[in-house]
């Protein structure tokens, strides 16, 4: 087994040599979705306002949030919640899709 440290891209799963440019801040913002469209969302990270309000401090900690972050989200504010590792190739693809 190699002692070399490798990063894993959260987008494509590729392993690559550590590169600080691949570590990005993870921003979370509340999004209003009509109730009849909630069932169409595949994302398991989606929480309704009521679900977010009902989370205990331990449950918040498990998903990387603090009570203050929850308060900010419920107030409609964007938060920074840690980071995410995305390889340069996937970042380039994402930038191309945004244009």
C-alpha atoms as a PDB file:
ATOM      1  CA  UNK A   1       0.000   0.000   0.000  1.00  0.00           C
ATOM      2  CA  UNK A   2       1.308   3.422  -0.967  1.00  0.00           C
ATOM      3  CA  UNK A   3       1.806   6.185   1.581  1.00  0.00           C
ATOM      4  CA  UNK A   4       1.056   8.823  -1.069  1.00  0.00           C
ATOM      5  CA  UNK A   5      -1.899  11.036  -0.207  1.00  0.00           C
ATOM      6  CA  UNK A   6      -4.496  11.400  -2.952  1.00  0.00           C
ATOM      7  CA  UNK A   7      -7.512  13.684  -3.243  1.00  0.00           C
ATOM      8  CA  UNK A   8     -10.823  12.351  -4.558  1.00  0.00           C
ATOM      9  CA  UNK A   9     -13.012  14.515  -6.777  1.00  0.00           C
ATOM     10  CA  UNK A  10     -16.531  14.825  -5.324  1.00  0.00           C
ATOM     11  CA  UNK A  11     -17.899  15.232  -8.857  1.00  0.00           C
ATOM     12  CA  UNK A  12     -16.286  12.421 -10.898  1.00  0.00           C
ATOM     13  CA  UNK A  13     -14.588  10.266  -8.248  1.00  0.00           C
ATOM     14  CA  UNK A  14     -11.127  10.536  -9.813  1.00  0.00           C
ATOM     15  CA  UNK A  15      -8.082  10.216  -7.525  1.00  0.00           C
ATOM     16  CA  UNK A  16      -5.360  12.825  -8.075  1.00  0.00           C
ATOM     17  CA  UNK A  17      -2.321  14.377  -6.404  1.00  0.00           C
ATOM     18  CA  UNK A  18      -3.119  17.031  -3.782  1.00  0.00           C
ATOM     19  CA  UNK A  19      -3.703  20.470  -5.251  1.00  0.00           C
ATOM     20  CA  UNK A  20      -4.953  23.426  -3.169  1.00  0.00           C
ATOM     21  CA  UNK A  21      -6.782  24.801  -6.231  1.00  0.00           C
ATOM     22  CA  UNK A  22      -9.142  21.823  -6.059  1.00  0.00           C
ATOM     23  CA  UNK A  23     -10.443  22.725  -2.585  1.00  0.00           C
ATOM     24  CA  UNK A  24     -13.492  24.967  -2.886  1.00  0.00           C
ATOM     25  CA  UNK A  25     -15.702  26.559  -0.256  1.00  0.00           C
ATOM     26  CA  UNK A  26     -19.115  24.939  -0.075  1.00  0.00           C
ATOM     27  CA  UNK A  27     -21.867  27.551  -0.182  1.00  0.00           C
ATOM     28  CA  UNK A  28     -25.425  26.642   0.769  1.00  0.00           C
ATOM     29  CA  UNK A  29     -28.404  28.868   0.130  1.00  0.00           C
ATOM     30  CA  UNK A  30     -32.094  28.376   0.746  1.00  0.00           C
ATOM     31  CA  UNK A  31     -34.191  27.873  -2.366  1.00  0.00           C
ATOM     32  CA  UNK A  32     -37.942  28.170  -2.553  1.00  0.00           C
ATOM     33  CA  UNK A  33     -39.528  25.214  -4.353  1.00  0.00           C
ATOM     34  CA  UNK A  34     -43.274  24.871  -4.910  1.00  0.00           C
ATOM     35  CA  UNK A  35     -44.692  22.008  -2.826  1.00  0.00           C
ATOM     36  CA  UNK A  36     -45.911  20.136  -5.900  1.00  0.00           C
ATOM     37  CA  UNK A  37     -42.327  20.040  -7.261  1.00  0.00           C
ATOM     38  CA  UNK A  38     -40.646  18.664  -4.103  1.00  0.00           C
ATOM     39  CA  UNK A  39     -41.213  15.047  -5.189  1.00  0.00           C
ATOM     40  CA  UNK A  40     -39.293  15.708  -8.408  1.00  0.00           C
ATOM     41  CA  UNK A  41     -36.034  16.509  -6.580  1.00  0.00           C
ATOM     42  CA  UNK A  42     -33.546  13.604  -6.434  1.00  0.00           C
ATOM     43  CA  UNK A  43     -31.135  15.290  -4.076  1.00  0.00           C
ATOM     44  CA  UNK A  44     -31.068  13.581  -0.691  1.00  0.00           C
ATOM     45  CA  UNK A  45     -29.489  16.741   0.749  1.00  0.00           C
ATOM     46  CA  UNK A  46     -32.748  18.642   0.237  1.00  0.00           C
ATOM     47  CA  UNK A  47     -34.507  19.620   3.444  1.00  0.00           C
ATOM     48  CA  UNK A  48     -37.791  21.416   3.784  1.00  0.00           C
ATOM     49  CA  UNK A  49     -37.990  24.433   6.086  1.00  0.00           C
ATOM     50  CA  UNK A  50     -39.909  22.343   8.655  1.00  0.00           C
ATOM     51  CA  UNK A  51     -37.336  19.523   8.498  1.00  0.00           C
ATOM     52  CA  UNK A  52     -34.475  21.986   8.995  1.00  0.00           C
ATOM     53  CA  UNK A  53     -36.255  23.592  11.965  1.00  0.00           C
ATOM     54  CA  UNK A  54     -36.888  20.178  13.553  1.00  0.00           C
ATOM     55  CA  UNK A  55     -33.243  18.983  13.486  1.00  0.00           C
ATOM     56  CA  UNK A  56     -31.593  18.544  16.876  1.00  0.00           C
ATOM     57  CA  UNK A  57     -28.138  19.959  17.613  1.00  0.00           C
ATOM     58  CA  UNK A  58     -26.669  16.464  17.102  1.00  0.00           C
ATOM     59  CA  UNK A  59     -28.438  16.041  13.755  1.00  0.00           C
ATOM     60  CA  UNK A  60     -27.207  19.463  12.645  1.00  0.00           C
ATOM     61  CA  UNK A  61     -23.654  18.512  13.615  1.00  0.00           C
ATOM     62  CA  UNK A  62     -23.955  15.260  11.618  1.00  0.00           C
ATOM     63  CA  UNK A  63     -24.681  17.214   8.435  1.00  0.00           C
ATOM     64  CA  UNK A  64     -22.016  19.844   9.134  1.00  0.00           C
ATOM     65  CA  UNK A  65     -24.231  22.687  10.331  1.00  0.00           C
ATOM     66  CA  UNK A  66     -24.400  24.676  13.539  1.00  0.00           C
ATOM     67  CA  UNK A  67     -27.512  26.164  15.139  1.00  0.00           C
ATOM     68  CA  UNK A  68     -26.293  29.598  13.932  1.00  0.00           C
ATOM     69  CA  UNK A  69     -26.001  28.311  10.345  1.00  0.00           C
ATOM     70  CA  UNK A  70     -29.553  26.968  10.605  1.00  0.00           C
ATOM     71  CA  UNK A  71     -30.760  30.371  11.822  1.00  0.00           C
ATOM     72  CA  UNK A  72     -29.071  32.037   8.845  1.00  0.00           C
ATOM     73  CA  UNK A  73     -30.594  29.594   6.350  1.00  0.00           C
ATOM     74  CA  UNK A  74     -34.042  30.041   7.875  1.00  0.00           C
ATOM     75  CA  UNK A  75     -33.540  33.819   7.547  1.00  0.00           C
ATOM     76  CA  UNK A  76     -32.878  33.358   3.826  1.00  0.00           C
ATOM     77  CA  UNK A  77     -29.117  33.924   3.997  1.00  0.00           C
ATOM     78  CA  UNK A  78     -26.381  32.026   2.140  1.00  0.00           C
ATOM     79  CA  UNK A  79     -23.824  30.262   4.356  1.00  0.00           C
ATOM     80  CA  UNK A  80     -20.358  28.783   3.889  1.00  0.00           C
ATOM     81  CA  UNK A  81     -20.311  25.256   5.260  1.00  0.00           C
ATOM     82  CA  UNK A  82     -16.864  23.764   4.908  1.00  0.00           C
ATOM     83  CA  UNK A  83     -15.330  22.730   1.647  1.00  0.00           C
ATOM     84  CA  UNK A  84     -15.525  20.340  -1.237  1.00  0.00           C
ATOM     85  CA  UNK A  85     -12.828  18.794  -3.424  1.00  0.00           C
ATOM     86  CA  UNK A  86     -13.419  19.067  -7.185  1.00  0.00           C
ATOM     87  CA  UNK A  87     -10.684  18.305  -9.723  1.00  0.00           C
ATOM     88  CA  UNK A  88      -9.586  21.006 -12.172  1.00  0.00           C
ATOM     89  CA  UNK A  89     -11.125  19.149 -15.131  1.00  0.00           C
ATOM     90  CA  UNK A  90     -14.560  19.077 -13.475  1.00  0.00           C
ATOM     91  CA  UNK A  91     -14.200  22.737 -12.438  1.00  0.00           C
ATOM     92  CA  UNK A  92     -13.473  23.603 -16.087  1.00  0.00           C
ATOM     93  CA  UNK A  93     -16.566  21.657 -17.213  1.00  0.00           C
ATOM     94  CA  UNK A  94     -18.697  23.425 -14.606  1.00  0.00           C
ATOM     95  CA  UNK A  95     -17.416  26.839 -15.692  1.00  0.00           C
ATOM     96  CA  UNK A  96     -18.175  25.976 -19.322  1.00  0.00           C
ATOM     97  CA  UNK A  97     -21.716  24.972 -18.398  1.00  0.00           C
ATOM     98  CA  UNK A  98     -22.254  28.274 -16.570  1.00  0.00           C
ATOM     99  CA  UNK A  99     -21.364  30.348 -19.643  1.00  0.00           C
END
